[in-house]
Amino acid sequence: MPSDQLLPIREIARLTGVNPVTLRAWERRYGLVVPQRTSKGHRLYSSDQVQRIQAIVSWLNRGVAVSQVLPLLDADPPPAGRNTGDDWSVLSAHLSNCIAHLGERQLDQQFNQAMALYPAATLCEQLLLPLLDQLEVRWQVHPCAQVERAFFYSWLRSKLGLRVYHNNRQLNGVPVLLLSTGNLAIDPHLWLCAWLVSDAGCPVEVFDLPLHGRDLAMAAERLGAGALLLSVNTVADCEQLRRDLNPLEVPKLLFGAAVILHKQALGDDPGWHLLDTPLAAQRCLHGLGALAAPISTETLNATDLAAQRPANP
């Protein structure tokens, strides 16, 4: 973009993947990016500020809390060995406590605040995936494991499903189809991937239950799916997977903790992409050209974060 061109907040969201609510929060709370204003008060950003936003995202993806980013923006080179995980650990502990007490309102509040400050990919990498790992360890021995799991998984599906729904209402283009290969009533990694892909600008259709053979082919055909993503978190039948997926002439991305068990059996087919996390699946899909530029998500954030939106444009 030309150095003298100023862009509105919607275009900046499309270029950087950081939604307008987050950009406003960075400005209002921390002074990280302060745009110019039109006579009517609308924000306009320069090319230098686009680069600054990209630098902020880079620091966040290293695990730095947003409250610690400002003094680091001009650091060259970035300091090595910096301990940046304390704030994430505190937030994770807060969420774990809400889950232990089945505190839906408190859980919602904590997560809404985090969503206002961080891009989806950063939240997934720094908070949600580590939290899921910690909870699985806890639930191996905890007497309330089933209750906590049912509560958290149900909440997570509702929360992310709502965001996917509102994203889909704003998106056009070829959708991707997401399914689970297991028999879990709710697969949290499936919904994390759906959220990441949707937030990156691609419409998604999520089926909680597995489909096989003709049913899977019919779903992909009727949806006009541009890619198929499967969450593999339990041991799967490789021969069944081959029978189900080989007839489909779309990219096939398998992601999850159990993918490593099937790499030898499935990894020789160039049409298959075997990945370990929802984040890796989203990045692979982007690399395949299946993702559009990120959308402005003012409407969906108004649903979840109305109380946090500033009154001015």
Protein backbone atom coordinates (compact mmCIF):
# COMPACT_ATOMS: atom_id res chain seq x y z
CA MET A 1 0.00 0.00 0.00
CA PRO A 2 1.38 3.50 -0.81
CA SER A 3 3.08 5.18 2.13
CA ASP A 4 0.68 8.15 2.05
CA GLN A 5 -2.52 6.11 1.81
CA LEU A 6 -4.73 5.97 4.89
CA LEU A 7 -7.09 3.05 5.33
CA PRO A 8 -10.23 2.59 7.45
CA ILE A 9 -10.44 0.10 10.28
CA ARG A 10 -12.34 -2.50 8.24
CA GLU A 11 -9.57 -2.63 5.66
CA ILE A 12 -6.91 -2.83 8.38
CA ALA A 13 -8.77 -5.79 9.88
CA ARG A 14 -8.75 -7.48 6.48
CA LEU A 15 -5.03 -6.85 5.97
CA THR A 16 -3.83 -7.87 9.42
CA GLY A 17 -6.37 -10.39 10.69
CA VAL A 18 -6.92 -8.32 13.85
CA ASN A 19 -10.58 -7.49 14.27
CA PRO A 20 -11.81 -3.92 14.88
CA VAL A 21 -12.85 -4.55 18.49
CA THR A 22 -9.28 -5.67 19.28
CA LEU A 23 -7.73 -2.71 17.44
CA ARG A 24 -9.91 -0.33 19.46
CA ALA A 25 -8.99 -2.08 22.70
CA TRP A 26 -5.27 -1.84 21.89
CA GLU A 27 -5.67 1.88 21.29
CA ARG A 28 -7.94 2.62 24.23
CA ARG A 29 -6.29 0.52 26.93
CA TYR A 30 -2.62 0.47 25.95
CA GLY A 31 -1.98 3.14 23.31
CA LEU A 32 -0.38 0.54 21.06
CA VAL A 33 -1.72 1.93 17.77
CA VAL A 34 -3.26 5.42 17.69
CA PRO A 35 -4.77 6.18 14.28
CA GLN A 36 -5.70 9.47 12.72
CA ARG A 37 -9.35 10.51 12.71
CA THR A 38 -11.67 11.92 10.09
CA SER A 39 -13.83 14.94 10.87
CA LYS A 40 -16.56 12.48 11.90
CA GLY A 41 -14.21 10.58 14.20
CA HIS A 42 -13.62 7.51 12.03
CA ARG A 43 -10.21 5.86 12.40
CA LEU A 44 -7.65 5.93 9.56
CA TYR A 45 -4.41 3.93 9.63
CA SER A 46 -1.13 4.47 7.79
CA SER A 47 1.18 1.87 6.24
CA ASP A 48 3.57 2.32 9.18
CA GLN A 49 0.75 1.48 11.55
CA VAL A 50 -0.04 -1.68 9.56
CA GLN A 51 3.56 -2.75 10.14
CA ARG A 52 3.22 -1.86 13.82
CA ILE A 53 0.10 -4.03 14.12
CA GLN A 54 1.96 -6.90 12.47
CA ALA A 55 4.81 -6.44 14.96
CA ILE A 56 2.32 -6.54 17.85
CA VAL A 57 0.85 -9.79 16.53
CA SER A 58 4.36 -11.20 16.22
CA TRP A 59 5.08 -10.44 19.88
CA LEU A 60 1.74 -11.89 20.98
CA ASN A 61 2.49 -15.08 19.08
CA ARG A 62 5.73 -15.37 21.04
CA GLY A 63 3.65 -15.52 24.21
CA VAL A 64 4.01 -11.89 25.31
CA ALA A 65 0.93 -10.51 27.08
CA VAL A 66 -0.62 -7.51 25.35
CA SER A 67 0.02 -5.40 28.45
CA GLN A 68 3.78 -5.98 27.98
CA VAL A 69 4.07 -5.26 24.27
CA LEU A 70 4.48 -1.46 24.16
CA PRO A 71 8.10 -1.23 25.40
CA LEU A 72 9.08 -4.11 23.10
CA LEU A 73 7.87 -2.61 19.83
CA ASP A 74 11.10 -0.71 19.23
CA ALA A 75 13.35 -3.47 20.58
CA ASP A 76 15.90 -4.57 17.97
CA PRO A 77 16.75 -7.37 18.14
CA PRO A 78 13.99 -8.94 20.28
CA PRO A 79 15.31 -9.85 23.73
CA ALA A 80 16.16 -13.54 24.06
CA GLY A 81 14.95 -15.75 26.87
CA ARG A 82 12.27 -13.36 28.03
CA ASN A 83 9.79 -14.94 30.46
CA THR A 84 6.45 -14.02 28.92
CA GLY A 85 4.15 -16.75 30.14
CA ASP A 86 3.05 -15.46 33.55
CA ASP A 87 -0.03 -13.58 32.34
CA TRP A 88 -1.18 -16.55 30.28
CA SER A 89 -0.69 -18.83 33.28
CA VAL A 90 -2.77 -16.53 35.45
CA LEU A 91 -5.57 -16.39 32.88
CA SER A 92 -5.45 -20.16 32.44
CA ALA A 93 -5.74 -20.59 36.22
CA HIS A 94 -8.75 -18.26 36.27
CA LEU A 95 -10.47 -20.27 33.54
CA SER A 96 -9.66 -23.56 35.29
CA ASN A 97 -11.20 -22.22 38.48
CA CYS A 98 -14.36 -21.18 36.62
CA ILE A 99 -14.58 -24.66 35.10
CA ALA A 100 -14.08 -26.34 38.48
CA HIS A 101 -16.97 -24.32 39.93
CA LEU A 102 -19.12 -24.63 36.78
CA GLY A 103 -19.15 -20.83 36.67
CA GLU A 104 -20.49 -20.12 33.20
CA ARG A 105 -20.95 -16.38 33.67
CA GLN A 106 -17.44 -15.92 35.09
CA LEU A 107 -15.95 -18.14 32.37
CA ASP A 108 -17.75 -16.13 29.72
CA GLN A 109 -16.52 -12.84 31.15
CA GLN A 110 -12.90 -13.94 31.32
CA PHE A 111 -12.95 -15.32 27.80
CA ASN A 112 -14.75 -12.30 26.34
CA GLN A 113 -12.07 -10.03 27.75
CA ALA A 114 -9.35 -12.19 26.22
CA MET A 115 -11.11 -12.27 22.83
CA ALA A 116 -11.24 -8.47 22.83
CA LEU A 117 -7.46 -8.25 23.22
CA TYR A 118 -6.00 -11.15 21.20
CA PRO A 119 -6.39 -12.62 17.72
CA ALA A 120 -8.00 -16.06 17.57
CA ALA A 121 -4.77 -17.84 16.60
CA THR A 122 -2.89 -16.32 19.53
CA LEU A 123 -5.64 -17.27 21.99
CA CYS A 124 -5.69 -20.80 20.64
CA GLU A 125 -1.92 -21.27 20.78
CA GLN A 126 -1.18 -19.53 24.06
CA LEU A 127 -4.32 -20.29 26.07
CA LEU A 128 -6.84 -22.81 24.81
CA LEU A 129 -4.64 -25.65 23.55
CA PRO A 130 -2.46 -25.62 26.70
CA LEU A 131 -5.59 -25.36 28.85
CA LEU A 132 -7.14 -28.41 27.17
CA ASP A 133 -3.93 -30.37 27.78
CA GLN A 134 -3.89 -29.34 31.45
CA LEU A 135 -7.54 -30.25 31.90
CA GLU A 136 -7.04 -33.70 30.35
CA VAL A 137 -4.28 -34.40 32.88
CA ARG A 138 -6.51 -33.14 35.71
CA TRP A 139 -9.45 -35.19 34.52
CA GLN A 140 -7.50 -38.44 34.61
CA VAL A 141 -7.81 -38.54 38.39
CA HIS A 142 -10.31 -35.89 39.46
CA PRO A 143 -13.60 -37.21 40.92
CA CYS A 144 -15.61 -34.48 39.15
CA ALA A 145 -13.95 -35.02 35.79
CA GLN A 146 -17.05 -36.02 33.85
CA VAL A 147 -19.08 -33.11 35.19
CA GLU A 148 -16.34 -30.58 34.44
CA ARG A 149 -15.72 -32.02 30.97
CA ALA A 150 -19.41 -31.95 30.08
CA PHE A 151 -19.71 -28.36 31.32
CA PHE A 152 -16.62 -27.01 29.57
CA TYR A 153 -17.05 -28.82 26.27
CA SER A 154 -20.70 -27.72 26.06
CA TRP A 155 -19.76 -24.13 26.84
CA LEU A 156 -16.89 -24.14 24.34
CA ARG A 157 -19.05 -25.54 21.55
CA SER A 158 -21.74 -22.93 22.19
CA LYS A 159 -19.23 -20.10 22.39
CA LEU A 160 -17.26 -20.96 19.28
CA GLY A 161 -20.34 -22.16 17.40
CA LEU A 162 -21.94 -18.74 17.87
CA ARG A 163 -18.91 -16.99 16.44
CA VAL A 164 -18.75 -19.39 13.50
CA TYR A 165 -22.46 -18.79 12.87
CA HIS A 166 -22.06 -15.01 12.76
CA ASN A 167 -18.91 -15.25 10.64
CA ASN A 168 -20.72 -17.45 8.14
CA ARG A 169 -23.49 -14.88 7.81
CA GLN A 170 -20.90 -12.33 6.62
CA LEU A 171 -18.85 -14.59 4.35
CA ASN A 172 -19.20 -15.67 0.76
CA GLY A 173 -17.17 -18.22 -1.10
CA VAL A 174 -16.48 -21.93 -1.06
CA PRO A 175 -16.97 -23.48 2.38
CA VAL A 176 -14.83 -26.13 4.03
CA LEU A 177 -16.36 -29.13 5.76
CA LEU A 178 -15.17 -30.16 9.22
CA LEU A 179 -15.92 -33.52 10.81
CA SER A 180 -14.72 -35.64 13.68
CA THR A 181 -13.51 -39.19 13.11
CA GLY A 182 -14.35 -40.17 16.68
CA ASN A 183 -17.60 -40.72 18.51
CA LEU A 184 -17.28 -37.87 21.01
CA ALA A 185 -20.53 -35.97 21.47
CA ILE A 186 -18.45 -32.78 21.37
CA ASP A 187 -14.91 -32.60 19.99
CA PRO A 188 -13.26 -29.41 21.31
CA HIS A 189 -10.42 -29.53 18.77
CA LEU A 190 -12.94 -29.72 15.94
CA TRP A 191 -14.59 -26.53 17.15
CA LEU A 192 -11.27 -24.77 17.76
CA CYS A 193 -10.33 -25.49 14.15
CA ALA A 194 -13.72 -24.31 12.90
CA TRP A 195 -13.30 -21.05 14.81
CA LEU A 196 -9.76 -20.48 13.47
CA VAL A 197 -10.71 -21.18 9.86
CA SER A 198 -13.86 -19.09 10.12
CA ASP A 199 -12.02 -16.21 11.77
CA ALA A 200 -9.49 -16.30 8.93
CA GLY A 201 -12.26 -15.57 6.44
CA CYS A 202 -13.48 -18.94 5.15
CA PRO A 203 -17.07 -20.18 5.59
CA VAL A 204 -17.24 -23.49 7.43
CA GLU A 205 -19.75 -26.26 7.94
CA VAL A 206 -19.26 -28.38 11.05
CA PHE A 207 -20.70 -31.84 11.59
CA ASP A 208 -20.21 -33.15 15.12
CA LEU A 209 -20.79 -36.76 14.09
CA PRO A 210 -18.66 -38.76 11.62
CA LEU A 211 -19.87 -39.57 8.11
CA HIS A 212 -18.72 -42.43 5.92
CA GLY A 213 -18.86 -43.54 2.32
CA ARG A 214 -21.75 -42.19 0.28
CA ASP A 215 -22.99 -40.00 3.12
CA LEU A 216 -19.67 -38.16 3.28
CA ALA A 217 -19.47 -37.81 -0.50
CA MET A 218 -23.05 -36.50 -0.60
CA ALA A 219 -22.38 -33.91 2.11
CA ALA A 220 -19.22 -32.66 0.38
CA GLU A 221 -20.97 -32.47 -2.99
CA ARG A 222 -24.10 -30.68 -1.79
CA LEU A 223 -22.07 -28.17 0.20
CA GLY A 224 -19.65 -27.63 -2.65
CA ALA A 225 -16.87 -28.05 -0.11
CA GLY A 226 -13.45 -26.78 -1.15
CA ALA A 227 -11.60 -28.85 1.45
CA LEU A 228 -12.28 -31.47 4.08
CA LEU A 229 -10.86 -31.23 7.60
CA LEU A 230 -11.06 -34.17 10.00
CA SER A 231 -10.30 -34.07 13.69
CA VAL A 232 -8.43 -37.26 14.67
CA ASN A 233 -8.01 -37.46 18.43
CA THR A 234 -8.59 -41.19 18.85
CA VAL A 235 -7.24 -44.17 16.93
CA ALA A 236 -8.94 -44.36 13.53
CA ASP A 237 -9.39 -47.14 10.99
CA CYS A 238 -6.95 -46.20 8.22
CA GLU A 239 -8.57 -48.44 5.64
CA GLN A 240 -11.95 -46.89 6.38
CA LEU A 241 -10.41 -43.44 6.04
CA ARG A 242 -8.96 -44.34 2.65
CA ARG A 243 -12.29 -45.70 1.42
CA ASP A 244 -14.10 -42.60 2.66
CA LEU A 245 -11.68 -39.92 1.51
CA ASN A 246 -9.88 -41.11 -1.61
CA PRO A 247 -12.93 -40.59 -3.89
CA LEU A 248 -13.16 -36.93 -2.80
CA GLU A 249 -11.24 -34.63 -5.13
CA VAL A 250 -10.57 -31.91 -2.56
CA PRO A 251 -7.67 -31.30 -0.16
CA LYS A 252 -7.95 -33.61 2.85
CA LEU A 253 -6.51 -32.30 6.11
CA LEU A 254 -6.33 -34.57 9.15
CA PHE A 255 -5.39 -32.93 12.43
CA GLY A 256 -5.25 -33.94 16.07
CA ALA A 257 -3.32 -35.79 18.74
CA ALA A 258 -3.79 -39.21 17.11
CA VAL A 259 -2.62 -38.20 13.63
CA ILE A 260 0.92 -39.27 14.47
CA LEU A 261 -0.33 -42.86 14.83
CA HIS A 262 -1.42 -42.88 11.19
CA LYS A 263 1.42 -41.05 9.43
CA GLN A 264 3.05 -44.22 8.18
CA ALA A 265 -0.23 -45.63 6.87
CA LEU A 266 -1.55 -42.43 5.29
CA GLY A 267 1.43 -40.18 4.71
CA ASP A 268 2.36 -41.46 1.23
CA ASP A 269 -0.61 -39.84 -0.54
CA PRO A 270 0.06 -36.26 -1.73
CA GLY A 271 -3.64 -35.42 -1.38
CA TRP A 272 -3.50 -35.96 2.38
CA HIS A 273 -2.16 -33.38 4.84
CA LEU A 274 -1.40 -34.82 8.29
CA LEU A 275 -1.16 -32.15 11.00
CA ASP A 276 -0.91 -32.16 14.76
CA THR A 277 -3.07 -29.21 15.88
CA PRO A 278 -6.03 -27.08 14.77
CA LEU A 279 -3.57 -24.21 14.29
CA ALA A 280 -1.45 -26.29 11.93
CA ALA A 281 -4.59 -27.21 9.98
CA GLN A 282 -5.63 -23.56 9.65
CA ARG A 283 -2.14 -22.57 8.46
CA CYS A 284 -2.01 -25.45 5.99
CA LEU A 285 -5.40 -24.47 4.59
CA HIS A 286 -4.14 -20.93 4.18
CA GLY A 287 -1.05 -22.23 2.38
CA LEU A 288 -3.26 -24.17 -0.01
CA GLY A 289 -5.04 -20.93 -0.94
CA ALA A 290 -8.35 -22.03 0.53
CA LEU A 291 -8.68 -19.09 2.91
CA ALA A 292 -9.84 -15.64 1.95
CA ALA A 293 -8.46 -12.52 3.58
CA PRO A 294 -9.67 -12.09 7.17
CA ILE A 295 -13.01 -10.37 7.58
CA SER A 296 -14.02 -7.47 9.71
CA THR A 297 -15.91 -8.97 12.64
CA GLU A 298 -17.60 -5.94 14.16
CA THR A 299 -21.02 -7.56 13.95
CA LEU A 300 -20.08 -10.82 15.63
CA ASN A 301 -18.12 -9.06 18.36
CA ALA A 302 -21.13 -6.88 19.06
CA THR A 303 -22.93 -10.09 19.95
CA ASP A 304 -20.35 -11.27 22.50
CA LEU A 305 -18.63 -8.07 23.53
CA ALA A 306 -21.23 -5.32 23.38
CA ALA A 307 -20.37 -4.09 26.85
CA GLN A 308 -16.74 -3.62 25.84
CA ARG A 309 -17.29 -1.68 22.60
CA PRO A 310 -16.46 2.05 22.72
CA ALA A 311 -19.25 4.44 21.90
CA ASN A 312 -17.19 6.36 19.33
CA PRO A 313 -16.59 5.03 15.75
